[in-house]
Amino acid sequence: MSLQTLEEVLRLFDEYGRGFAPSDLIQNEQNAKALLDYALGKYGRVSISYLIEAEKTLGVQLQRVKQPTPAELRDAAAKKEQERMARDYRESIKQQPSFEERVKLEKAAQEAKAEEKRQQAAQSQINTLIDSYSINLGPGRLDLSRAEYFQDQLRQIKIKKNGKYDAVLTLRKVQEALSKLP
């Protein structure tokens, strides 16, 4: 019969503690000593099987985590339910946003979306008008350099409303300027 090294015994105890020990068993020095003494006294060596047998045999002599009684479990559940009910009550009496306020916010959001679409459509028209501007010199001839110059000038037109670029107002000014150009 070969002797076990201290490292091997520690490894077996570690493996037993991580994978085989009951969850209520407190893993401390006193329990380890009791398990070790039992396994060495009966078998002269340590194995996981011997440690499991030692735990079952020693039973109440080993220190264990105190299991809650049914009354304690019932009290804890009742306390948790009471806290949930109190939280629900606080939520229910909290001031709710008024219906009119919610309708007003939804209407403002819809108006903002509609205004954004108007601005995009106006900007698209501005780009189309400026890009299609050309100057004819005669049959089949275009003055590209002057047309590009006026297109650049038209792109400089930017009208602001309340400090923000407004494409709808800019479209009107661009249309007015185009009507005056050659």
N, C-alpha and C. Protein backbone atom coordinates (compact mmCIF):
# COMPACT_ATOMS: atom_id res chain seq x y z
N MET A 1 0.85 -1.17 0.00
CA MET A 1 0.00 0.00 0.00
C MET A 1 0.89 1.23 0.00
N SER A 2 0.64 2.15 -0.96
CA SER A 2 1.49 3.33 -1.07
C SER A 2 0.91 4.47 -0.25
N LEU A 3 1.80 5.32 0.21
CA LEU A 3 1.38 6.48 0.99
C LEU A 3 0.96 7.60 0.04
N GLN A 4 -0.03 8.36 0.46
CA GLN A 4 -0.47 9.49 -0.33
C GLN A 4 0.30 10.73 0.09
N THR A 5 0.61 11.55 -0.89
CA THR A 5 1.31 12.80 -0.57
C THR A 5 0.30 13.82 -0.07
N LEU A 6 0.82 14.83 0.60
CA LEU A 6 -0.04 15.91 1.10
C LEU A 6 -0.73 16.61 -0.06
N GLU A 7 -0.01 16.81 -1.17
CA GLU A 7 -0.61 17.47 -2.34
C GLU A 7 -1.77 16.67 -2.90
N GLU A 8 -1.62 15.33 -2.93
CA GLU A 8 -2.70 14.48 -3.45
C GLU A 8 -3.92 14.55 -2.54
N VAL A 9 -3.71 14.53 -1.24
CA VAL A 9 -4.83 14.62 -0.28
C VAL A 9 -5.53 15.96 -0.42
N LEU A 10 -4.74 17.04 -0.54
CA LEU A 10 -5.34 18.37 -0.70
C LEU A 10 -6.12 18.46 -2.01
N ARG A 11 -5.60 17.86 -3.06
CA ARG A 11 -6.29 17.87 -4.34
C ARG A 11 -7.62 17.12 -4.24
N LEU A 12 -7.61 15.97 -3.56
CA LEU A 12 -8.84 15.19 -3.38
C LEU A 12 -9.87 15.98 -2.56
N PHE A 13 -9.43 16.63 -1.49
CA PHE A 13 -10.34 17.44 -0.68
C PHE A 13 -10.90 18.61 -1.51
N ASP A 14 -10.06 19.21 -2.33
CA ASP A 14 -10.50 20.33 -3.16
C ASP A 14 -11.56 19.85 -4.16
N GLU A 15 -11.28 18.73 -4.82
CA GLU A 15 -12.23 18.19 -5.79
C GLU A 15 -13.54 17.78 -5.10
N TYR A 16 -13.42 17.16 -3.93
CA TYR A 16 -14.62 16.77 -3.17
C TYR A 16 -15.44 18.01 -2.80
N GLY A 17 -14.76 19.05 -2.35
CA GLY A 17 -15.46 20.27 -1.93
C GLY A 17 -16.15 20.98 -3.09
N ARG A 18 -15.55 20.93 -4.27
CA ARG A 18 -16.15 21.64 -5.42
C ARG A 18 -17.24 20.84 -6.11
N GLY A 19 -17.12 19.50 -6.11
CA GLY A 19 -18.08 18.75 -6.92
C GLY A 19 -18.92 17.73 -6.20
N PHE A 20 -18.53 17.33 -4.99
CA PHE A 20 -19.22 16.20 -4.37
C PHE A 20 -19.79 16.50 -2.99
N ALA A 21 -19.30 17.53 -2.32
CA ALA A 21 -19.76 17.83 -0.96
C ALA A 21 -21.19 18.38 -1.01
N PRO A 22 -22.01 18.04 -0.02
CA PRO A 22 -23.36 18.60 0.03
C PRO A 22 -23.29 20.12 0.18
N SER A 23 -24.30 20.80 -0.36
CA SER A 23 -24.27 22.26 -0.35
C SER A 23 -24.38 22.84 1.05
N ASP A 24 -24.93 22.08 2.00
CA ASP A 24 -25.08 22.62 3.35
C ASP A 24 -23.86 22.34 4.24
N LEU A 25 -22.89 21.58 3.74
CA LEU A 25 -21.69 21.27 4.52
C LEU A 25 -20.76 22.47 4.53
N ILE A 26 -20.41 22.94 5.73
CA ILE A 26 -19.47 24.06 5.86
C ILE A 26 -18.07 23.50 5.64
N GLN A 27 -17.36 24.10 4.70
CA GLN A 27 -16.01 23.62 4.39
C GLN A 27 -15.01 24.40 5.24
N ASN A 28 -14.71 23.82 6.41
CA ASN A 28 -13.76 24.46 7.31
C ASN A 28 -12.77 23.40 7.82
N GLU A 29 -11.83 23.83 8.64
CA GLU A 29 -10.76 22.96 9.12
C GLU A 29 -11.29 21.84 10.01
N GLN A 30 -12.26 22.15 10.85
CA GLN A 30 -12.81 21.16 11.77
C GLN A 30 -13.49 20.02 11.01
N ASN A 31 -14.31 20.35 10.00
CA ASN A 31 -14.96 19.31 9.20
C ASN A 31 -13.94 18.52 8.40
N ALA A 32 -12.94 19.20 7.83
CA ALA A 32 -11.91 18.52 7.06
C ALA A 32 -11.16 17.52 7.94
N LYS A 33 -10.85 17.91 9.17
CA LYS A 33 -10.13 17.01 10.09
C LYS A 33 -10.98 15.80 10.42
N ALA A 34 -12.28 16.00 10.65
CA ALA A 34 -13.17 14.88 10.98
C ALA A 34 -13.27 13.91 9.80
N LEU A 35 -13.42 14.45 8.59
CA LEU A 35 -13.51 13.60 7.40
C LEU A 35 -12.20 12.83 7.17
N LEU A 36 -11.07 13.54 7.33
CA LEU A 36 -9.76 12.93 7.14
C LEU A 36 -9.53 11.81 8.17
N ASP A 37 -9.84 12.09 9.44
CA ASP A 37 -9.64 11.08 10.49
C ASP A 37 -10.48 9.83 10.21
N TYR A 38 -11.73 10.03 9.76
CA TYR A 38 -12.59 8.88 9.47
C TYR A 38 -12.01 8.05 8.33
N ALA A 39 -11.64 8.72 7.20
CA ALA A 39 -11.14 7.99 6.03
C ALA A 39 -9.82 7.27 6.36
N LEU A 40 -8.91 7.95 7.06
CA LEU A 40 -7.62 7.33 7.41
C LEU A 40 -7.82 6.22 8.42
N GLY A 41 -8.70 6.41 9.40
CA GLY A 41 -8.94 5.40 10.43
C GLY A 41 -9.56 4.13 9.86
N LYS A 42 -10.49 4.27 8.92
CA LYS A 42 -11.18 3.10 8.38
C LYS A 42 -10.43 2.45 7.23
N TYR A 43 -9.88 3.29 6.32
CA TYR A 43 -9.27 2.74 5.10
C TYR A 43 -7.77 2.96 4.99
N GLY A 44 -7.22 3.86 5.77
CA GLY A 44 -5.78 4.13 5.73
C GLY A 44 -5.38 5.02 4.57
N ARG A 45 -6.33 5.55 3.82
CA ARG A 45 -6.05 6.46 2.70
C ARG A 45 -7.29 7.30 2.42
N VAL A 46 -7.14 8.29 1.52
CA VAL A 46 -8.22 9.22 1.22
C VAL A 46 -8.60 9.08 -0.25
N SER A 47 -9.90 9.00 -0.49
CA SER A 47 -10.43 9.05 -1.86
C SER A 47 -11.76 9.79 -1.78
N ILE A 48 -12.26 10.17 -2.92
CA ILE A 48 -13.53 10.90 -2.94
C ILE A 48 -14.65 10.00 -2.42
N SER A 49 -14.63 8.73 -2.79
CA SER A 49 -15.65 7.78 -2.30
C SER A 49 -15.60 7.68 -0.79
N TYR A 50 -14.38 7.62 -0.22
CA TYR A 50 -14.25 7.51 1.23
C TYR A 50 -14.72 8.80 1.92
N LEU A 51 -14.47 9.94 1.28
CA LEU A 51 -14.92 11.22 1.86
C LEU A 51 -16.45 11.31 1.84
N ILE A 52 -17.06 10.83 0.77
CA ILE A 52 -18.53 10.83 0.69
C ILE A 52 -19.10 9.92 1.78
N GLU A 53 -18.51 8.74 1.93
CA GLU A 53 -18.95 7.81 2.97
C GLU A 53 -18.76 8.43 4.36
N ALA A 54 -17.64 9.10 4.56
CA ALA A 54 -17.37 9.73 5.87
C ALA A 54 -18.41 10.81 6.16
N GLU A 55 -18.77 11.58 5.17
CA GLU A 55 -19.76 12.65 5.37
C GLU A 55 -21.11 12.05 5.74
N LYS A 56 -21.50 10.96 5.08
CA LYS A 56 -22.78 10.33 5.36
C LYS A 56 -22.77 9.68 6.75
N THR A 57 -21.65 9.07 7.12
CA THR A 57 -21.55 8.40 8.41
C THR A 57 -21.51 9.40 9.56
N LEU A 58 -20.70 10.45 9.41
CA LEU A 58 -20.56 11.43 10.49
C LEU A 58 -21.80 12.31 10.62
N GLY A 59 -22.48 12.57 9.53
CA GLY A 59 -23.76 13.28 9.53
C GLY A 59 -23.83 14.51 10.39
N VAL A 60 -24.51 14.41 11.54
CA VAL A 60 -24.77 15.58 12.40
C VAL A 60 -23.53 16.03 13.16
N GLN A 61 -22.48 15.22 13.21
CA GLN A 61 -21.27 15.64 13.90
C GLN A 61 -20.53 16.73 13.13
N LEU A 62 -20.82 16.85 11.83
CA LEU A 62 -20.17 17.87 11.00
C LEU A 62 -20.95 19.18 11.07
N GLN A 63 -20.22 20.27 10.94
CA GLN A 63 -20.88 21.58 10.95
C GLN A 63 -21.56 21.81 9.61
N ARG A 64 -22.78 22.29 9.68
CA ARG A 64 -23.55 22.51 8.45
C ARG A 64 -24.21 23.89 8.51
N VAL A 65 -24.55 24.38 7.32
CA VAL A 65 -25.28 25.64 7.21
C VAL A 65 -26.68 25.38 7.73
N LYS A 66 -27.16 26.27 8.57
CA LYS A 66 -28.48 26.09 9.16
C LYS A 66 -29.54 26.25 8.07
N GLN A 67 -30.38 25.25 7.92
CA GLN A 67 -31.46 25.29 6.95
C GLN A 67 -32.64 26.05 7.56
N PRO A 68 -33.25 26.94 6.78
CA PRO A 68 -34.38 27.68 7.33
C PRO A 68 -35.57 26.74 7.57
N THR A 69 -36.28 27.04 8.62
CA THR A 69 -37.47 26.24 8.95
C THR A 69 -38.61 26.67 8.04
N PRO A 70 -39.64 25.84 7.93
CA PRO A 70 -40.78 26.24 7.10
C PRO A 70 -41.39 27.57 7.54
N ALA A 71 -41.39 27.83 8.83
CA ALA A 71 -41.94 29.10 9.32
C ALA A 71 -41.07 30.27 8.84
N GLU A 72 -39.74 30.08 8.87
CA GLU A 72 -38.84 31.14 8.39
C GLU A 72 -39.02 31.37 6.89
N LEU A 73 -39.17 30.30 6.14
CA LEU A 73 -39.41 30.43 4.70
C LEU A 73 -40.72 31.15 4.43
N ARG A 74 -41.75 30.81 5.20
CA ARG A 74 -43.06 31.46 5.05
C ARG A 74 -42.96 32.94 5.39
N ASP A 75 -42.24 33.26 6.48
CA ASP A 75 -42.08 34.67 6.88
C ASP A 75 -41.32 35.46 5.82
N ALA A 76 -40.28 34.87 5.25
CA ALA A 76 -39.50 35.55 4.21
C ALA A 76 -40.35 35.80 2.98
N ALA A 77 -41.16 34.81 2.59
CA ALA A 77 -42.04 34.97 1.42
C ALA A 77 -43.09 36.05 1.69
N ALA A 78 -43.62 36.06 2.91
CA ALA A 78 -44.63 37.08 3.26
C ALA A 78 -44.01 38.47 3.24
N LYS A 79 -42.79 38.59 3.75
CA LYS A 79 -42.12 39.89 3.76
C LYS A 79 -41.86 40.38 2.33
N LYS A 80 -41.43 39.46 1.47
CA LYS A 80 -41.17 39.82 0.07
C LYS A 80 -42.46 40.27 -0.61
N GLU A 81 -43.55 39.55 -0.36
CA GLU A 81 -44.85 39.91 -0.94
C GLU A 81 -45.32 41.27 -0.43
N GLN A 82 -45.11 41.53 0.86
CA GLN A 82 -45.49 42.82 1.46
C GLN A 82 -44.70 43.96 0.80
N GLU A 83 -43.41 43.76 0.57
CA GLU A 83 -42.58 44.78 -0.08
C GLU A 83 -43.05 45.02 -1.51
N ARG A 84 -43.41 43.95 -2.22
CA ARG A 84 -43.91 44.09 -3.59
C ARG A 84 -45.22 44.87 -3.61
N MET A 85 -46.10 44.57 -2.67
CA MET A 85 -47.38 45.29 -2.61
C MET A 85 -47.16 46.76 -2.28
N ALA A 86 -46.24 47.05 -1.38
CA ALA A 86 -45.95 48.45 -1.03
C ALA A 86 -45.37 49.18 -2.23
N ARG A 87 -44.48 48.53 -2.98
CA ARG A 87 -43.90 49.14 -4.18
C ARG A 87 -44.98 49.40 -5.22
N ASP A 88 -45.88 48.42 -5.42
CA ASP A 88 -46.98 48.60 -6.37
C ASP A 88 -47.88 49.75 -5.96
N TYR A 89 -48.15 49.87 -4.66
CA TYR A 89 -48.99 50.96 -4.16
C TYR A 89 -48.34 52.31 -4.42
N ARG A 90 -47.02 52.40 -4.13
CA ARG A 90 -46.31 53.66 -4.38
C ARG A 90 -46.36 54.03 -5.86
N GLU A 91 -46.21 53.02 -6.74
CA GLU A 91 -46.29 53.27 -8.18
C GLU A 91 -47.68 53.75 -8.58
N SER A 92 -48.70 53.19 -7.95
CA SER A 92 -50.07 53.54 -8.34
C SER A 92 -50.46 54.95 -7.90
N ILE A 93 -49.90 55.43 -6.78
CA ILE A 93 -50.28 56.77 -6.32
C ILE A 93 -49.36 57.85 -6.86
N LYS A 94 -48.29 57.44 -7.54
CA LYS A 94 -47.39 58.42 -8.14
C LYS A 94 -48.17 59.21 -9.19
N GLN A 95 -47.89 60.49 -9.29
CA GLN A 95 -48.62 61.33 -10.22
C GLN A 95 -48.38 60.87 -11.64
N GLN A 96 -49.48 60.61 -12.33
CA GLN A 96 -49.42 60.16 -13.71
C GLN A 96 -49.50 61.37 -14.64
N PRO A 97 -48.86 61.30 -15.80
CA PRO A 97 -48.98 62.41 -16.76
C PRO A 97 -50.43 62.50 -17.23
N SER A 98 -50.92 63.73 -17.37
CA SER A 98 -52.31 63.91 -17.76
C SER A 98 -52.50 63.51 -19.22
N PHE A 99 -53.73 63.17 -19.56
CA PHE A 99 -54.06 62.75 -20.91
C PHE A 99 -53.81 63.90 -21.89
N GLU A 100 -54.21 65.11 -21.50
CA GLU A 100 -54.03 66.27 -22.38
C GLU A 100 -52.55 66.51 -22.66
N GLU A 101 -51.74 66.34 -21.64
CA GLU A 101 -50.30 66.54 -21.80
C GLU A 101 -49.73 65.51 -22.78
N ARG A 102 -50.16 64.27 -22.64
CA ARG A 102 -49.67 63.21 -23.52
C ARG A 102 -50.11 63.47 -24.96
N VAL A 103 -51.36 63.91 -25.14
CA VAL A 103 -51.87 64.21 -26.48
C VAL A 103 -51.08 65.36 -27.08
N LYS A 104 -50.80 66.37 -26.25
CA LYS A 104 -50.04 67.53 -26.72
C LYS A 104 -48.64 67.11 -27.17
N LEU A 105 -48.00 66.22 -26.41
CA LEU A 105 -46.66 65.75 -26.78
C LEU A 105 -46.69 64.95 -28.08
N GLU A 106 -47.71 64.09 -28.23
CA GLU A 106 -47.82 63.31 -29.46
C GLU A 106 -48.08 64.21 -30.66
N LYS A 107 -48.91 65.23 -30.47
CA LYS A 107 -49.21 66.15 -31.56
C LYS A 107 -47.96 66.93 -31.95
N ALA A 108 -47.19 67.37 -30.96
CA ALA A 108 -45.95 68.09 -31.24
C ALA A 108 -44.97 67.21 -32.00
N ALA A 109 -44.90 65.94 -31.64
CA ALA A 109 -44.00 65.01 -32.32
C ALA A 109 -44.44 64.82 -33.77
N GLN A 110 -45.76 64.71 -34.00
CA GLN A 110 -46.26 64.55 -35.37
C GLN A 110 -45.99 65.80 -36.20
N GLU A 111 -46.17 66.97 -35.58
CA GLU A 111 -45.91 68.23 -36.29
C GLU A 111 -44.44 68.36 -36.63
N ALA A 112 -43.58 67.97 -35.71
CA ALA A 112 -42.13 68.03 -35.96
C ALA A 112 -41.76 67.10 -37.12
N LYS A 113 -42.39 65.93 -37.17
CA LYS A 113 -42.12 64.99 -38.25
C LYS A 113 -42.60 65.56 -39.59
N ALA A 114 -43.78 66.16 -39.59
CA ALA A 114 -44.32 66.75 -40.82
C ALA A 114 -43.44 67.92 -41.28
N GLU A 115 -42.98 68.74 -40.34
CA GLU A 115 -42.11 69.87 -40.68
C GLU A 115 -40.80 69.37 -41.27
N GLU A 116 -40.27 68.29 -40.71
CA GLU A 116 -39.02 67.71 -41.22
C GLU A 116 -39.21 67.25 -42.67
N LYS A 117 -40.37 66.64 -42.97
CA LYS A 117 -40.65 66.21 -44.34
C LYS A 117 -40.76 67.42 -45.28
N ARG A 118 -41.41 68.48 -44.82
CA ARG A 118 -41.52 69.70 -45.63
C ARG A 118 -40.15 70.28 -45.94
N GLN A 119 -39.29 70.32 -44.92
CA GLN A 119 -37.94 70.86 -45.10
C GLN A 119 -37.15 70.01 -46.11
N GLN A 120 -37.28 68.70 -46.01
CA GLN A 120 -36.55 67.82 -46.93
C GLN A 120 -37.06 67.99 -48.36
N ALA A 121 -38.37 68.08 -48.51
CA ALA A 121 -38.94 68.26 -49.85
C ALA A 121 -38.50 69.59 -50.44
N ALA A 122 -38.50 70.66 -49.63
CA ALA A 122 -38.07 71.98 -50.11
C ALA A 122 -36.59 71.95 -50.50
N GLN A 123 -35.76 71.29 -49.71
CA GLN A 123 -34.32 71.21 -50.01
C GLN A 123 -34.10 70.45 -51.32
N SER A 124 -34.88 69.41 -51.52
CA SER A 124 -34.78 68.64 -52.77
C SER A 124 -35.15 69.52 -53.97
N GLN A 125 -36.19 70.33 -53.82
CA GLN A 125 -36.59 71.25 -54.91
C GLN A 125 -35.51 72.29 -55.17
N ILE A 126 -34.90 72.81 -54.10
CA ILE A 126 -33.83 73.79 -54.25
C ILE A 126 -32.70 73.19 -55.07
N ASN A 127 -32.28 71.99 -54.70
CA ASN A 127 -31.18 71.33 -55.41
C ASN A 127 -31.52 71.10 -56.88
N THR A 128 -32.73 70.69 -57.14
CA THR A 128 -33.16 70.44 -58.53
C THR A 128 -33.17 71.73 -59.34
N LEU A 129 -33.72 72.80 -58.77
CA LEU A 129 -33.78 74.08 -59.47
C LEU A 129 -32.39 74.61 -59.80
N ILE A 130 -31.50 74.57 -58.82
CA ILE A 130 -30.15 75.10 -59.02
C ILE A 130 -29.38 74.25 -60.02
N ASP A 131 -29.47 72.92 -59.91
CA ASP A 131 -28.73 72.04 -60.81
C ASP A 131 -29.24 72.12 -62.25
N SER A 132 -30.51 72.44 -62.45
CA SER A 132 -31.04 72.50 -63.81
C SER A 132 -30.90 73.89 -64.44
N TYR A 133 -30.35 74.87 -63.73
CA TYR A 133 -30.19 76.22 -64.28
C TYR A 133 -29.08 76.22 -65.34
N SER A 134 -29.38 76.82 -66.49
CA SER A 134 -28.37 76.95 -67.55
C SER A 134 -28.62 78.25 -68.32
N ILE A 135 -27.58 78.69 -69.06
CA ILE A 135 -27.68 79.92 -69.86
C ILE A 135 -27.43 79.54 -71.32
N ASN A 136 -28.37 79.87 -72.19
CA ASN A 136 -28.25 79.59 -73.63
C ASN A 136 -27.56 80.76 -74.33
N LEU A 137 -26.63 80.40 -75.20
CA LEU A 137 -25.96 81.43 -76.01
C LEU A 137 -26.56 81.50 -77.41
N GLY A 138 -27.29 80.55 -77.74
CA GLY A 138 -27.89 80.50 -79.08
C GLY A 138 -28.30 79.08 -79.34
N PRO A 139 -28.66 78.77 -80.56
CA PRO A 139 -29.12 77.41 -80.87
C PRO A 139 -28.03 76.38 -80.58
N GLY A 140 -28.32 75.47 -79.62
CA GLY A 140 -27.41 74.37 -79.31
C GLY A 140 -26.16 74.76 -78.56
N ARG A 141 -26.09 76.00 -78.05
CA ARG A 141 -24.87 76.42 -77.33
C ARG A 141 -25.26 76.86 -75.91
N LEU A 142 -24.44 76.44 -74.94
CA LEU A 142 -24.66 76.80 -73.53
C LEU A 142 -23.44 77.53 -73.01
N ASP A 143 -23.69 78.50 -72.13
CA ASP A 143 -22.59 79.20 -71.46
C ASP A 143 -22.41 78.54 -70.08
N LEU A 144 -21.55 77.53 -70.04
CA LEU A 144 -21.38 76.75 -68.82
C LEU A 144 -20.69 77.52 -67.70
N SER A 145 -19.70 78.34 -68.03
CA SER A 145 -18.96 79.05 -66.97
C SER A 145 -19.87 80.04 -66.26
N ARG A 146 -20.68 80.80 -66.99
CA ARG A 146 -21.60 81.74 -66.34
C ARG A 146 -22.70 80.99 -65.58
N ALA A 147 -23.15 79.88 -66.11
CA ALA A 147 -24.18 79.08 -65.44
C ALA A 147 -23.65 78.55 -64.10
N GLU A 148 -22.40 78.07 -64.10
CA GLU A 148 -21.80 77.57 -62.85
C GLU A 148 -21.64 78.70 -61.85
N TYR A 149 -21.26 79.88 -62.32
CA TYR A 149 -21.11 81.03 -61.43
C TYR A 149 -22.45 81.33 -60.76
N PHE A 150 -23.54 81.41 -61.54
CA PHE A 150 -24.84 81.73 -60.97
C PHE A 150 -25.36 80.59 -60.08
N GLN A 151 -25.03 79.36 -60.43
CA GLN A 151 -25.42 78.23 -59.57
C GLN A 151 -24.75 78.35 -58.20
N ASP A 152 -23.44 78.72 -58.20
CA ASP A 152 -22.73 78.92 -56.94
C ASP A 152 -23.36 80.05 -56.13
N GLN A 153 -23.75 81.12 -56.82
CA GLN A 153 -24.39 82.25 -56.13
C GLN A 153 -25.74 81.83 -55.53
N LEU A 154 -26.48 81.04 -56.27
CA LEU A 154 -27.78 80.57 -55.77
C LEU A 154 -27.61 79.65 -54.55
N ARG A 155 -26.54 78.87 -54.56
CA ARG A 155 -26.29 77.97 -53.41
C ARG A 155 -25.92 78.76 -52.16
N GLN A 156 -25.49 80.00 -52.31
CA GLN A 156 -25.14 80.85 -51.17
C GLN A 156 -26.38 81.36 -50.45
N ILE A 157 -27.52 81.31 -51.08
CA ILE A 157 -28.74 81.81 -50.46
C ILE A 157 -29.17 80.83 -49.37
N LYS A 158 -29.20 81.31 -48.15
CA LYS A 158 -29.63 80.49 -47.00
C LYS A 158 -30.42 81.41 -46.08
N ILE A 159 -31.70 81.12 -45.89
CA ILE A 159 -32.56 81.91 -45.03
C ILE A 159 -32.72 81.17 -43.70
N LYS A 160 -32.58 81.93 -42.62
CA LYS A 160 -32.72 81.34 -41.28
C LYS A 160 -33.99 81.87 -40.63
N LYS A 161 -34.62 80.98 -39.87
CA LYS A 161 -35.81 81.35 -39.11
C LYS A 161 -35.55 80.88 -37.68
N ASN A 162 -35.62 81.80 -36.74
CA ASN A 162 -35.32 81.50 -35.34
C ASN A 162 -33.92 80.90 -35.18
N GLY A 163 -32.98 81.38 -35.96
CA GLY A 163 -31.59 80.93 -35.85
C GLY A 163 -31.30 79.60 -36.51
N LYS A 164 -32.30 79.04 -37.21
CA LYS A 164 -32.12 77.72 -37.82
C LYS A 164 -32.43 77.82 -39.31
N TYR A 165 -31.65 77.12 -40.12
CA TYR A 165 -31.83 77.12 -41.57
C TYR A 165 -33.25 76.64 -41.90
N ASP A 166 -33.93 77.40 -42.78
CA ASP A 166 -35.30 77.06 -43.19
C ASP A 166 -35.32 76.87 -44.71
N ALA A 167 -35.47 75.62 -45.16
CA ALA A 167 -35.43 75.30 -46.58
C ALA A 167 -36.65 75.84 -47.33
N VAL A 168 -37.81 75.91 -46.66
CA VAL A 168 -39.02 76.39 -47.32
C VAL A 168 -38.87 77.87 -47.68
N LEU A 169 -38.39 78.68 -46.74
CA LEU A 169 -38.17 80.11 -47.02
C LEU A 169 -37.04 80.30 -48.04
N THR A 170 -36.01 79.47 -47.94
CA THR A 170 -34.90 79.54 -48.89
C THR A 170 -35.38 79.20 -50.30
N LEU A 171 -36.29 78.22 -50.42
CA LEU A 171 -36.84 77.86 -51.73
C LEU A 171 -37.53 79.05 -52.38
N ARG A 172 -38.30 79.79 -51.60
CA ARG A 172 -38.99 80.97 -52.14
C ARG A 172 -37.98 82.01 -52.66
N LYS A 173 -36.92 82.25 -51.89
CA LYS A 173 -35.90 83.23 -52.30
C LYS A 173 -35.15 82.75 -53.54
N VAL A 174 -34.86 81.46 -53.62
CA VAL A 174 -34.16 80.92 -54.79
C VAL A 174 -35.05 81.05 -56.02
N GLN A 175 -36.33 80.74 -55.88
CA GLN A 175 -37.26 80.88 -57.00
C GLN A 175 -37.35 82.34 -57.45
N GLU A 176 -37.38 83.27 -56.50
CA GLU A 176 -37.43 84.69 -56.82
C GLU A 176 -36.15 85.12 -57.55
N ALA A 177 -35.00 84.65 -57.07
CA ALA A 177 -33.73 85.00 -57.69
C ALA A 177 -33.62 84.41 -59.10
N LEU A 178 -34.11 83.19 -59.29
CA LEU A 178 -34.08 82.56 -60.61
C LEU A 178 -34.94 83.34 -61.62
N SER A 179 -36.04 83.88 -61.14
CA SER A 179 -36.91 84.63 -62.06
C SER A 179 -36.25 85.90 -62.56
N LYS A 180 -35.25 86.41 -61.83
CA LYS A 180 -34.55 87.65 -62.20
C LYS A 180 -33.27 87.39 -63.00
N LEU A 181 -32.81 86.12 -63.02
CA LEU A 181 -31.55 85.81 -63.71
C LEU A 181 -31.79 85.68 -65.21
N PRO A 182 -30.70 85.87 -66.00
CA PRO A 182 -30.83 85.74 -67.47
C PRO A 182 -31.08 84.31 -67.88
